[in-house]
């Protein structure tokens, strides 16, 4: 069981450092590439990355998740982006600190 943050502006779901090492240890195959990242101050940097698609268990369902692990990133958490939340039918209720699947709005989970 792990923890992830939700991000509405990011374009890629990020595998945190710990998750990346766990997946590598379990034999998950990653492809490599590079991407340009925009930082909060508006600057851009190019970084190497590893990517994969895994199946995650969330709210009793198995869902596909495309992940990017940024080379050299330390002490970062997993980050789920809006594309994943939308394609999985996940609705966040920030005010109540809960989430649910759009096809089961009466079954809520704690954020």
PDB file of N, CA and C in Angstrom:
ATOM      1  N   UNK A   1       0.851  -1.170   0.000  1.00  0.00           N
ATOM      2  CA  UNK A   1       0.000   0.000   0.000  1.00  0.00           C
ATOM      3  C   UNK A   1       0.891   1.225   0.000  1.00  0.00           C
ATOM      4  N   UNK A   2       0.517   2.215  -0.785  1.00  0.00           N
ATOM      5  CA  UNK A   2       1.332   3.411  -0.879  1.00  0.00           C
ATOM      6  C   UNK A   2       0.485   4.658  -0.902  1.00  0.00           C
ATOM      7  N   UNK A   3       1.161   5.792  -1.019  1.00  0.00           N
ATOM      8  CA  UNK A   3       0.511   7.090  -1.033  1.00  0.00           C
ATOM      9  C   UNK A   3       0.887   7.820  -2.308  1.00  0.00           C
ATOM     10  N   UNK A   4      -0.049   8.557  -2.865  1.00  0.00           N
ATOM     11  CA  UNK A   4       0.226   9.377  -4.047  1.00  0.00           C
ATOM     12  C   UNK A   4      -0.477  10.710  -3.885  1.00  0.00           C
ATOM     13  N   UNK A   5       0.022  11.717  -4.564  1.00  0.00           N
ATOM     14  CA  UNK A   5      -0.595  13.039  -4.594  1.00  0.00           C
ATOM     15  C   UNK A   5      -1.293  13.207  -5.937  1.00  0.00           C
ATOM     16  N   UNK A   6      -2.358  13.994  -5.955  1.00  0.00           N
ATOM     17  CA  UNK A   6      -3.045  14.302  -7.215  1.00  0.00           C
ATOM     18  C   UNK A   6      -2.611  15.686  -7.671  1.00  0.00           C
ATOM     19  N   UNK A   7      -2.401  15.852  -8.972  1.00  0.00           N
ATOM     20  CA  UNK A   7      -1.925  17.119  -9.533  1.00  0.00           C
ATOM     21  C   UNK A   7      -2.724  17.425 -10.783  1.00  0.00           C
ATOM     22  N   UNK A   8      -3.321  18.607 -10.832  1.00  0.00           N
ATOM     23  CA  UNK A   8      -4.164  18.930 -11.989  1.00  0.00           C
ATOM     24  C   UNK A   8      -3.399  19.565 -13.138  1.00  0.00           C
ATOM     25  N   UNK A   9      -2.178  20.036 -12.928  1.00  0.00           N
ATOM     26  CA  UNK A   9      -1.446  20.703 -14.005  1.00  0.00           C
ATOM     27  C   UNK A   9      -0.359  19.832 -14.628  1.00  0.00           C
ATOM     28  N   UNK A  10       0.040  18.768 -13.972  1.00  0.00           N
ATOM     29  CA  UNK A  10       1.112  17.913 -14.495  1.00  0.00           C
ATOM     30  C   UNK A  10       0.612  17.129 -15.706  1.00  0.00           C
ATOM     31  N   UNK A  11       1.547  16.752 -16.583  1.00  0.00           N
ATOM     32  CA  UNK A  11       1.173  16.013 -17.789  1.00  0.00           C
ATOM     33  C   UNK A  11       1.548  14.542 -17.724  1.00  0.00           C
ATOM     34  N   UNK A  12       2.289  14.142 -16.713  1.00  0.00           N
ATOM     35  CA  UNK A  12       2.709  12.749 -16.569  1.00  0.00           C
ATOM     36  C   UNK A  12       2.534  12.306 -15.117  1.00  0.00           C
ATOM     37  N   UNK A  13       2.041  11.086 -14.916  1.00  0.00           N
ATOM     38  CA  UNK A  13       2.020  10.517 -13.565  1.00  0.00           C
ATOM     39  C   UNK A  13       3.449  10.122 -13.221  1.00  0.00           C
ATOM     40  N   UNK A  14       3.895  10.504 -12.044  1.00  0.00           N
ATOM     41  CA  UNK A  14       5.284  10.313 -11.643  1.00  0.00           C
ATOM     42  C   UNK A  14       5.389   9.186 -10.625  1.00  0.00           C
ATOM     43  N   UNK A  15       6.325   8.270 -10.875  1.00  0.00           N
ATOM     44  CA  UNK A  15       6.662   7.246  -9.885  1.00  0.00           C
ATOM     45  C   UNK A  15       7.680   7.867  -8.946  1.00  0.00           C
ATOM     46  N   UNK A  16       7.356   7.951  -7.663  1.00  0.00           N
ATOM     47  CA  UNK A  16       8.304   8.462  -6.686  1.00  0.00           C
ATOM     48  C   UNK A  16       9.526   7.562  -6.610  1.00  0.00           C
ATOM     49  N   UNK A  17      10.573   8.066  -5.967  1.00  0.00           N
ATOM     50  CA  UNK A  17      11.836   7.333  -5.867  1.00  0.00           C
ATOM     51  C   UNK A  17      11.639   5.938  -5.275  1.00  0.00           C
ATOM     52  N   UNK A  18      10.900   5.829  -4.180  1.00  0.00           N
ATOM     53  CA  UNK A  18      10.687   4.532  -3.533  1.00  0.00           C
ATOM     54  C   UNK A  18       9.919   3.588  -4.441  1.00  0.00           C
ATOM     55  N   UNK A  19       8.829   4.069  -5.052  1.00  0.00           N
ATOM     56  CA  UNK A  19       8.035   3.226  -5.947  1.00  0.00           C
ATOM     57  C   UNK A  19       8.875   2.747  -7.123  1.00  0.00           C
ATOM     58  N   UNK A  20       9.686   3.624  -7.687  1.00  0.00           N
ATOM     59  CA  UNK A  20      10.549   3.249  -8.806  1.00  0.00           C
ATOM     60  C   UNK A  20      11.464   2.091  -8.412  1.00  0.00           C
ATOM     61  N   UNK A  21      12.092   2.177  -7.244  1.00  0.00           N
ATOM     62  CA  UNK A  21      13.003   1.118  -6.809  1.00  0.00           C
ATOM     63  C   UNK A  21      12.258  -0.191  -6.522  1.00  0.00           C
ATOM     64  N   UNK A  22      11.060  -0.096  -5.976  1.00  0.00           N
ATOM     65  CA  UNK A  22      10.250  -1.301  -5.729  1.00  0.00           C
ATOM     66  C   UNK A  22       9.902  -1.970  -7.059  1.00  0.00           C
ATOM     67  N   UNK A  23       9.457  -1.186  -8.026  1.00  0.00           N
ATOM     68  CA  UNK A  23       9.088  -1.745  -9.332  1.00  0.00           C
ATOM     69  C   UNK A  23      10.288  -2.377 -10.022  1.00  0.00           C
ATOM     70  N   UNK A  24      11.452  -1.723  -9.972  1.00  0.00           N
ATOM     71  CA  UNK A  24      12.668  -2.289 -10.573  1.00  0.00           C
ATOM     72  C   UNK A  24      13.022  -3.614  -9.909  1.00  0.00           C
ATOM     73  N   UNK A  25      12.933  -3.658  -8.578  1.00  0.00           N
ATOM     74  CA  UNK A  25      13.263  -4.876  -7.830  1.00  0.00           C
ATOM     75  C   UNK A  25      12.317  -6.015  -8.210  1.00  0.00           C
ATOM     76  N   UNK A  26      11.061  -5.687  -8.519  1.00  0.00           N
ATOM     77  CA  UNK A  26      10.072  -6.696  -8.903  1.00  0.00           C
ATOM     78  C   UNK A  26      10.189  -7.096 -10.369  1.00  0.00           C
ATOM     79  N   UNK A  27      11.122  -6.494 -11.093  1.00  0.00           N
ATOM     80  CA  UNK A  27      11.342  -6.877 -12.484  1.00  0.00           C
ATOM     81  C   UNK A  27      10.552  -6.095 -13.515  1.00  0.00           C
ATOM     82  N   UNK A  28       9.945  -4.995 -13.109  1.00  0.00           N
ATOM     83  CA  UNK A  28       9.207  -4.169 -14.065  1.00  0.00           C
ATOM     84  C   UNK A  28      10.169  -3.619 -15.114  1.00  0.00           C
ATOM     85  N   UNK A  29       9.762  -3.682 -16.367  1.00  0.00           N
ATOM     86  CA  UNK A  29      10.597  -3.199 -17.470  1.00  0.00           C
ATOM     87  C   UNK A  29      10.248  -1.742 -17.760  1.00  0.00           C
ATOM     88  N   UNK A  30      11.264  -0.914 -17.813  1.00  0.00           N
ATOM     89  CA  UNK A  30      11.109   0.511 -18.107  1.00  0.00           C
ATOM     90  C   UNK A  30      11.748   0.827 -19.451  1.00  0.00           C
ATOM     91  N   UNK A  31      11.166   1.777 -20.210  1.00  0.00           N
ATOM     92  CA  UNK A  31      11.822   2.329 -21.396  1.00  0.00           C
ATOM     93  C   UNK A  31      12.416   3.674 -20.987  1.00  0.00           C
ATOM     94  N   UNK A  32      13.423   4.118 -21.730  1.00  0.00           N
ATOM     95  CA  UNK A  32      14.080   5.374 -21.379  1.00  0.00           C
ATOM     96  C   UNK A  32      13.830   6.426 -22.442  1.00  0.00           C
ATOM     97  N   UNK A  33      13.977   7.669 -22.048  1.00  0.00           N
ATOM     98  CA  UNK A  33      13.812   8.783 -22.968  1.00  0.00           C
ATOM     99  C   UNK A  33      14.189  10.074 -22.276  1.00  0.00           C
ATOM    100  N   UNK A  34      13.846  11.189 -22.884  1.00  0.00           N
ATOM    101  CA  UNK A  34      14.080  12.481 -22.244  1.00  0.00           C
ATOM    102  C   UNK A  34      12.849  13.348 -22.448  1.00  0.00           C
ATOM    103  N   UNK A  35      12.652  14.273 -21.529  1.00  0.00           N
ATOM    104  CA  UNK A  35      11.525  15.183 -21.625  1.00  0.00           C
ATOM    105  C   UNK A  35      11.927  16.547 -21.100  1.00  0.00           C
ATOM    106  N   UNK A  36      11.204  17.556 -21.541  1.00  0.00           N
ATOM    107  CA  UNK A  36      11.428  18.909 -21.059  1.00  0.00           C
ATOM    108  C   UNK A  36      10.393  19.201 -19.989  1.00  0.00           C
ATOM    109  N   UNK A  37      10.870  19.620 -18.821  1.00  0.00           N
ATOM    110  CA  UNK A  37       9.976  19.918 -17.702  1.00  0.00           C
ATOM    111  C   UNK A  37       9.939  21.422 -17.472  1.00  0.00           C
ATOM    112  N   UNK A  38       8.731  21.942 -17.219  1.00  0.00           N
ATOM    113  CA  UNK A  38       8.568  23.343 -16.841  1.00  0.00           C
ATOM    114  C   UNK A  38       8.514  23.406 -15.325  1.00  0.00           C
ATOM    115  N   UNK A  39       9.341  24.237 -14.742  1.00  0.00           N
ATOM    116  CA  UNK A  39       9.398  24.379 -13.294  1.00  0.00           C
ATOM    117  C   UNK A  39       8.464  25.496 -12.833  1.00  0.00           C
ATOM    118  N   UNK A  40       8.235  25.553 -11.525  1.00  0.00           N
ATOM    119  CA  UNK A  40       7.310  26.535 -10.963  1.00  0.00           C
ATOM    120  C   UNK A  40       7.720  27.971 -11.282  1.00  0.00           C
ATOM    121  N   UNK A  41       9.022  28.217 -11.419  1.00  0.00           N
ATOM    122  CA  UNK A  41       9.489  29.579 -11.711  1.00  0.00           C
ATOM    123  C   UNK A  41       9.430  29.919 -13.201  1.00  0.00           C
ATOM    124  N   UNK A  42       8.919  29.001 -14.023  1.00  0.00           N
ATOM    125  CA  UNK A  42       8.786  29.229 -15.453  1.00  0.00           C
ATOM    126  C   UNK A  42       9.957  28.738 -16.285  1.00  0.00           C
ATOM    127  N   UNK A  43      11.054  28.373 -15.634  1.00  0.00           N
ATOM    128  CA  UNK A  43      12.204  27.865 -16.387  1.00  0.00           C
ATOM    129  C   UNK A  43      11.934  26.439 -16.852  1.00  0.00           C
ATOM    130  N   UNK A  44      12.688  26.013 -17.856  1.00  0.00           N
ATOM    131  CA  UNK A  44      12.527  24.663 -18.398  1.00  0.00           C
ATOM    132  C   UNK A  44      13.852  23.932 -18.312  1.00  0.00           C
ATOM    133  N   UNK A  45      13.773  22.630 -17.990  1.00  0.00           N
ATOM    134  CA  UNK A  45      14.973  21.793 -17.966  1.00  0.00           C
ATOM    135  C   UNK A  45      14.664  20.487 -18.679  1.00  0.00           C
ATOM    136  N   UNK A  46      15.674  19.907 -19.277  1.00  0.00           N
ATOM    137  CA  UNK A  46      15.506  18.604 -19.925  1.00  0.00           C
ATOM    138  C   UNK A  46      16.073  17.546 -18.995  1.00  0.00           C
ATOM    139  N   UNK A  47      15.314  16.471 -18.798  1.00  0.00           N
ATOM    140  CA  UNK A  47      15.732  15.399 -17.895  1.00  0.00           C
ATOM    141  C   UNK A  47      15.529  14.050 -18.561  1.00  0.00           C
ATOM    142  N   UNK A  48      16.382  13.116 -18.204  1.00  0.00           N
ATOM    143  CA  UNK A  48      16.218  11.728 -18.630  1.00  0.00           C
ATOM    144  C   UNK A  48      15.106  11.113 -17.781  1.00  0.00           C
ATOM    145  N   UNK A  49      14.368  10.160 -18.343  1.00  0.00           N
ATOM    146  CA  UNK A  49      13.323   9.496 -17.576  1.00  0.00           C
ATOM    147  C   UNK A  49      13.234   8.034 -17.972  1.00  0.00           C
ATOM    148  N   UNK A  50      12.575   7.273 -17.115  1.00  0.00           N
ATOM    149  CA  UNK A  50      12.223   5.875 -17.367  1.00  0.00           C
ATOM    150  C   UNK A  50      10.705   5.813 -17.301  1.00  0.00           C
ATOM    151  N   UNK A  51      10.073   5.078 -18.217  1.00  0.00           N
ATOM    152  CA  UNK A  51       8.612   4.991 -18.193  1.00  0.00           C
ATOM    153  C   UNK A  51       8.158   3.544 -18.308  1.00  0.00           C
ATOM    154  N   UNK A  52       6.957   3.295 -17.787  1.00  0.00           N
ATOM    155  CA  UNK A  52       6.361   1.967 -17.828  1.00  0.00           C
ATOM    156  C   UNK A  52       4.855   2.099 -17.641  1.00  0.00           C
ATOM    157  N   UNK A  53       4.145   1.023 -17.874  1.00  0.00           N
ATOM    158  CA  UNK A  53       2.715   0.959 -17.573  1.00  0.00           C
ATOM    159  C   UNK A  53       2.519  -0.180 -16.583  1.00  0.00           C
ATOM    160  N   UNK A  54       1.868   0.113 -15.474  1.00  0.00           N
ATOM    161  CA  UNK A  54       1.617  -0.897 -14.447  1.00  0.00           C
ATOM    162  C   UNK A  54       0.118  -0.964 -14.177  1.00  0.00           C
ATOM    163  N   UNK A  55      -0.293  -2.008 -13.531  1.00  0.00           N
ATOM    164  CA  UNK A  55      -1.680  -2.129 -13.079  1.00  0.00           C
ATOM    165  C   UNK A  55      -1.675  -1.841 -11.583  1.00  0.00           C
ATOM    166  N   UNK A  56      -2.581  -0.955 -11.150  1.00  0.00           N
ATOM    167  CA  UNK A  56      -2.676  -0.651  -9.724  1.00  0.00           C
ATOM    168  C   UNK A  56      -4.053  -1.051  -9.217  1.00  0.00           C
ATOM    169  N   UNK A  57      -4.128  -1.332  -7.950  1.00  0.00           N
ATOM    170  CA  UNK A  57      -5.391  -1.688  -7.302  1.00  0.00           C
ATOM    171  C   UNK A  57      -5.825  -0.477  -6.494  1.00  0.00           C
ATOM    172  N   UNK A  58      -7.003   0.047  -6.802  1.00  0.00           N
ATOM    173  CA  UNK A  58      -7.494   1.256  -6.158  1.00  0.00           C
ATOM    174  C   UNK A  58      -8.998   1.142  -5.988  1.00  0.00           C
ATOM    175  N   UNK A  59      -9.474   1.286  -4.780  1.00  0.00           N
ATOM    176  CA  UNK A  59     -10.909   1.226  -4.534  1.00  0.00           C
ATOM    177  C   UNK A  59     -11.539  -0.071  -4.985  1.00  0.00           C
ATOM    178  N   UNK A  60     -10.792  -1.178  -4.887  1.00  0.00           N
ATOM    179  CA  UNK A  60     -11.305  -2.481  -5.276  1.00  0.00           C
ATOM    180  C   UNK A  60     -11.274  -2.743  -6.774  1.00  0.00           C
ATOM    181  N   UNK A  61     -10.676  -1.852  -7.545  1.00  0.00           N
ATOM    182  CA  UNK A  61     -10.584  -2.020  -8.999  1.00  0.00           C
ATOM    183  C   UNK A  61      -9.122  -2.084  -9.429  1.00  0.00           C
ATOM    184  N   UNK A  62      -8.876  -2.760 -10.533  1.00  0.00           N
ATOM    185  CA  UNK A  62      -7.539  -2.802 -11.117  1.00  0.00           C
ATOM    186  C   UNK A  62      -7.521  -1.850 -12.306  1.00  0.00           C
ATOM    187  N   UNK A  63      -6.591  -0.899 -12.274  1.00  0.00           N
ATOM    188  CA  UNK A  63      -6.543   0.161 -13.273  1.00  0.00           C
ATOM    189  C   UNK A  63      -5.152   0.256 -13.888  1.00  0.00           C
ATOM    190  N   UNK A  64      -5.054   0.542 -15.200  1.00  0.00           N
ATOM    191  CA  UNK A  64      -3.734   0.743 -15.814  1.00  0.00           C
ATOM    192  C   UNK A  64      -3.214   2.145 -15.481  1.00  0.00           C
ATOM    193  N   UNK A  65      -1.916   2.239 -15.240  1.00  0.00           N
ATOM    194  CA  UNK A  65      -1.308   3.528 -14.909  1.00  0.00           C
ATOM    195  C   UNK A  65       0.028   3.663 -15.622  1.00  0.00           C
ATOM    196  N   UNK A  66       0.135   4.657 -16.508  1.00  0.00           N
ATOM    197  CA  UNK A  66       1.410   4.969 -17.156  1.00  0.00           C
ATOM    198  C   UNK A  66       2.221   5.825 -16.197  1.00  0.00           C
ATOM    199  N   UNK A  67       3.447   5.398 -15.922  1.00  0.00           N
ATOM    200  CA  UNK A  67       4.300   6.096 -14.960  1.00  0.00           C
ATOM    201  C   UNK A  67       5.594   6.554 -15.597  1.00  0.00           C
ATOM    202  N   UNK A  68       6.089   7.685 -15.136  1.00  0.00           N
ATOM    203  CA  UNK A  68       7.396   8.206 -15.511  1.00  0.00           C
ATOM    204  C   UNK A  68       8.203   8.350 -14.232  1.00  0.00           C
ATOM    205  N   UNK A  69       9.434   7.848 -14.252  1.00  0.00           N
ATOM    206  CA  UNK A  69      10.367   8.041 -13.139  1.00  0.00           C
ATOM    207  C   UNK A  69      11.474   8.956 -13.648  1.00  0.00           C
ATOM    208  N   UNK A  70      11.669  10.084 -12.981  1.00  0.00           N
ATOM    209  CA  UNK A  70      12.667  11.065 -13.401  1.00  0.00           C
ATOM    210  C   UNK A  70      14.030  10.659 -12.858  1.00  0.00           C
ATOM    211  N   UNK A  71      14.996  10.489 -13.754  1.00  0.00           N
ATOM    212  CA  UNK A  71      16.343  10.098 -13.344  1.00  0.00           C
ATOM    213  C   UNK A  71      16.930  11.139 -12.399  1.00  0.00           C
ATOM    214  N   UNK A  72      17.482  10.663 -11.294  1.00  0.00           N
ATOM    215  CA  UNK A  72      18.129  11.544 -10.331  1.00  0.00           C
ATOM    216  C   UNK A  72      17.197  12.192  -9.333  1.00  0.00           C
ATOM    217  N   UNK A  73      15.888  12.016  -9.470  1.00  0.00           N
ATOM    218  CA  UNK A  73      14.956  12.622  -8.511  1.00  0.00           C
ATOM    219  C   UNK A  73      15.070  11.896  -7.177  1.00  0.00           C
ATOM    220  N   UNK A  74      15.160  12.645  -6.114  1.00  0.00           N
ATOM    221  CA  UNK A  74      15.305  12.075  -4.776  1.00  0.00           C
ATOM    222  C   UNK A  74      14.171  12.568  -3.885  1.00  0.00           C
ATOM    223  N   UNK A  75      13.724  11.703  -2.997  1.00  0.00           N
ATOM    224  CA  UNK A  75      12.716  12.047  -1.988  1.00  0.00           C
ATOM    225  C   UNK A  75      11.435  12.625  -2.587  1.00  0.00           C
ATOM    226  N   UNK A  76      11.037  12.142  -3.766  1.00  0.00           N
ATOM    227  CA  UNK A  76       9.791  12.624  -4.356  1.00  0.00           C
ATOM    228  C   UNK A  76       8.691  11.585  -4.162  1.00  0.00           C
ATOM    229  N   UNK A  77       7.461  12.058  -4.117  1.00  0.00           N
ATOM    230  CA  UNK A  77       6.305  11.182  -3.945  1.00  0.00           C
ATOM    231  C   UNK A  77       5.715  10.819  -5.300  1.00  0.00           C
ATOM    232  N   UNK A  78       4.901   9.768  -5.300  1.00  0.00           N
ATOM    233  CA  UNK A  78       4.159   9.425  -6.515  1.00  0.00           C
ATOM    234  C   UNK A  78       3.134  10.527  -6.771  1.00  0.00           C
ATOM    235  N   UNK A  79       2.902  10.812  -8.037  1.00  0.00           N
ATOM    236  CA  UNK A  79       2.022  11.897  -8.435  1.00  0.00           C
ATOM    237  C   UNK A  79       1.074  11.387  -9.511  1.00  0.00           C
ATOM    238  N   UNK A  80      -0.222  11.467  -9.251  1.00  0.00           N
ATOM    239  CA  UNK A  80      -1.229  11.043 -10.230  1.00  0.00           C
ATOM    240  C   UNK A  80      -1.787  12.276 -10.923  1.00  0.00           C
ATOM    241  N   UNK A  81      -1.830  12.251 -12.251  1.00  0.00           N
ATOM    242  CA  UNK A  81      -2.293  13.428 -12.996  1.00  0.00           C
ATOM    243  C   UNK A  81      -3.745  13.282 -13.420  1.00  0.00           C
ATOM    244  N   UNK A  82      -4.299  14.382 -13.903  1.00  0.00           N
ATOM    245  CA  UNK A  82      -5.710  14.423 -14.263  1.00  0.00           C
ATOM    246  C   UNK A  82      -6.083  13.406 -15.332  1.00  0.00           C
ATOM    247  N   UNK A  83      -5.195  13.124 -16.297  1.00  0.00           N
ATOM    248  CA  UNK A  83      -5.516  12.131 -17.329  1.00  0.00           C
ATOM    249  C   UNK A  83      -5.863  10.789 -16.702  1.00  0.00           C
ATOM    250  N   UNK A  84      -5.071  10.354 -15.729  1.00  0.00           N
ATOM    251  CA  UNK A  84      -5.338   9.085 -15.059  1.00  0.00           C
ATOM    252  C   UNK A  84      -6.645   9.154 -14.281  1.00  0.00           C
ATOM    253  N   UNK A  85      -6.842  10.223 -13.519  1.00  0.00           N
ATOM    254  CA  UNK A  85      -8.064  10.349 -12.723  1.00  0.00           C
ATOM    255  C   UNK A  85      -9.291  10.346 -13.627  1.00  0.00           C
ATOM    256  N   UNK A  86      -9.223  11.072 -14.739  1.00  0.00           N
ATOM    257  CA  UNK A  86     -10.354  11.143 -15.665  1.00  0.00           C
ATOM    258  C   UNK A  86     -10.620   9.804 -16.342  1.00  0.00           C
ATOM    259  N   UNK A  87      -9.584   9.167 -16.876  1.00  0.00           N
ATOM    260  CA  UNK A  87      -9.793   7.900 -17.588  1.00  0.00           C
ATOM    261  C   UNK A  87     -10.244   6.787 -16.650  1.00  0.00           C
ATOM    262  N   UNK A  88      -9.905   6.903 -15.377  1.00  0.00           N
ATOM    263  CA  UNK A  88     -10.314   5.904 -14.388  1.00  0.00           C
ATOM    264  C   UNK A  88     -11.680   6.211 -13.796  1.00  0.00           C
ATOM    265  N   UNK A  89     -12.243   7.372 -14.139  1.00  0.00           N
ATOM    266  CA  UNK A  89     -13.552   7.747 -13.610  1.00  0.00           C
ATOM    267  C   UNK A  89     -13.508   8.159 -12.155  1.00  0.00           C
ATOM    268  N   UNK A  90     -12.374   8.699 -11.720  1.00  0.00           N
ATOM    269  CA  UNK A  90     -12.221   9.096 -10.319  1.00  0.00           C
ATOM    270  C   UNK A  90     -12.635  10.555 -10.158  1.00  0.00           C
ATOM    271  N   UNK A  91     -13.481  10.800  -9.156  1.00  0.00           N
ATOM    272  CA  UNK A  91     -13.941  12.148  -8.841  1.00  0.00           C
ATOM    273  C   UNK A  91     -13.418  12.508  -7.456  1.00  0.00           C
ATOM    274  N   UNK A  92     -12.724  13.648  -7.361  1.00  0.00           N
ATOM    275  CA  UNK A  92     -12.216  14.120  -6.074  1.00  0.00           C
ATOM    276  C   UNK A  92     -13.209  15.092  -5.460  1.00  0.00           C
ATOM    277  N   UNK A  93     -13.523  14.902  -4.176  1.00  0.00           N
ATOM    278  CA  UNK A  93     -14.325  15.862  -3.425  1.00  0.00           C
ATOM    279  C   UNK A  93     -13.380  16.469  -2.397  1.00  0.00           C
ATOM    280  N   UNK A  94     -12.735  17.551  -2.789  1.00  0.00           N
ATOM    281  CA  UNK A  94     -11.705  18.156  -1.946  1.00  0.00           C
ATOM    282  C   UNK A  94     -12.304  18.677  -0.644  1.00  0.00           C
ATOM    283  N   UNK A  95     -13.487  19.268  -0.698  1.00  0.00           N
ATOM    284  CA  UNK A  95     -14.115  19.822   0.505  1.00  0.00           C
ATOM    285  C   UNK A  95     -14.314  18.747   1.571  1.00  0.00           C
ATOM    286  N   UNK A  96     -14.751  17.570   1.160  1.00  0.00           N
ATOM    287  CA  UNK A  96     -14.993  16.484   2.124  1.00  0.00           C
ATOM    288  C   UNK A  96     -13.787  15.568   2.300  1.00  0.00           C
ATOM    289  N   UNK A  97     -12.722  15.826   1.514  1.00  0.00           N
ATOM    290  CA  UNK A  97     -11.508  15.009   1.553  1.00  0.00           C
ATOM    291  C   UNK A  97     -11.817  13.540   1.260  1.00  0.00           C
ATOM    292  N   UNK A  98     -12.633  13.336   0.211  1.00  0.00           N
ATOM    293  CA  UNK A  98     -12.994  11.988  -0.225  1.00  0.00           C
ATOM    294  C   UNK A  98     -12.871  11.909  -1.742  1.00  0.00           C
ATOM    295  N   UNK A  99     -12.963  10.694  -2.257  1.00  0.00           N
ATOM    296  CA  UNK A  99     -13.020  10.471  -3.697  1.00  0.00           C
ATOM    297  C   UNK A  99     -13.936   9.289  -3.948  1.00  0.00           C
ATOM    298  N   UNK A 100     -14.438   9.194  -5.189  1.00  0.00           N
ATOM    299  CA  UNK A 100     -15.305   8.085  -5.572  1.00  0.00           C
ATOM    300  C   UNK A 100     -15.182   7.869  -7.071  1.00  0.00           C
ATOM    301  N   UNK A 101     -15.650   6.715  -7.529  1.00  0.00           N
ATOM    302  CA  UNK A 101     -15.731   6.460  -8.966  1.00  0.00           C
ATOM    303  C   UNK A 101     -17.036   7.063  -9.468  1.00  0.00           C
ATOM    304  N   UNK A 102     -17.010   7.682 -10.649  1.00  0.00           N
ATOM    305  CA  UNK A 102     -18.207   8.367 -11.139  1.00  0.00           C
ATOM    306  C   UNK A 102     -19.386   7.428 -11.360  1.00  0.00           C
ATOM    307  N   UNK A 103     -19.137   6.118 -11.523  1.00  0.00           N
ATOM    308  CA  UNK A 103     -20.255   5.183 -11.682  1.00  0.00           C
ATOM    309  C   UNK A 103     -20.739   4.625 -10.340  1.00  0.00           C
ATOM    310  N   UNK A 104     -20.105   5.033  -9.236  1.00  0.00           N
ATOM    311  CA  UNK A 104     -20.517   4.607  -7.886  1.00  0.00           C
ATOM    312  C   UNK A 104     -20.383   5.784  -6.917  1.00  0.00           C
ATOM    313  N   UNK A 105     -21.151   6.860  -7.120  1.00  0.00           N
ATOM    314  CA  UNK A 105     -20.973   8.059  -6.299  1.00  0.00           C
ATOM    315  C   UNK A 105     -21.315   7.884  -4.820  1.00  0.00           C
ATOM    316  N   UNK A 106     -22.021   6.819  -4.476  1.00  0.00           N
ATOM    317  CA  UNK A 106     -22.372   6.604  -3.070  1.00  0.00           C
ATOM    318  C   UNK A 106     -21.313   5.832  -2.297  1.00  0.00           C
ATOM    319  N   UNK A 107     -20.273   5.358  -2.985  1.00  0.00           N
ATOM    320  CA  UNK A 107     -19.175   4.639  -2.324  1.00  0.00           C
ATOM    321  C   UNK A 107     -17.978   5.581  -2.298  1.00  0.00           C
ATOM    322  N   UNK A 108     -17.714   6.168  -1.119  1.00  0.00           N
ATOM    323  CA  UNK A 108     -16.652   7.158  -0.976  1.00  0.00           C
ATOM    324  C   UNK A 108     -15.442   6.578  -0.271  1.00  0.00           C
ATOM    325  N   UNK A 109     -14.266   7.091  -0.656  1.00  0.00           N
ATOM    326  CA  UNK A 109     -12.994   6.698  -0.058  1.00  0.00           C
ATOM    327  C   UNK A 109     -12.327   7.953   0.487  1.00  0.00           C
ATOM    328  N   UNK A 110     -11.601   7.811   1.575  1.00  0.00           N
ATOM    329  CA  UNK A 110     -10.909   8.943   2.186  1.00  0.00           C
ATOM    330  C   UNK A 110      -9.658   9.296   1.399  1.00  0.00           C
ATOM    331  N   UNK A 111      -9.445  10.590   1.181  1.00  0.00           N
ATOM    332  CA  UNK A 111      -8.216  11.053   0.520  1.00  0.00           C
ATOM    333  C   UNK A 111      -7.032  10.870   1.444  1.00  0.00           C
TER     334      UNK A 111
END
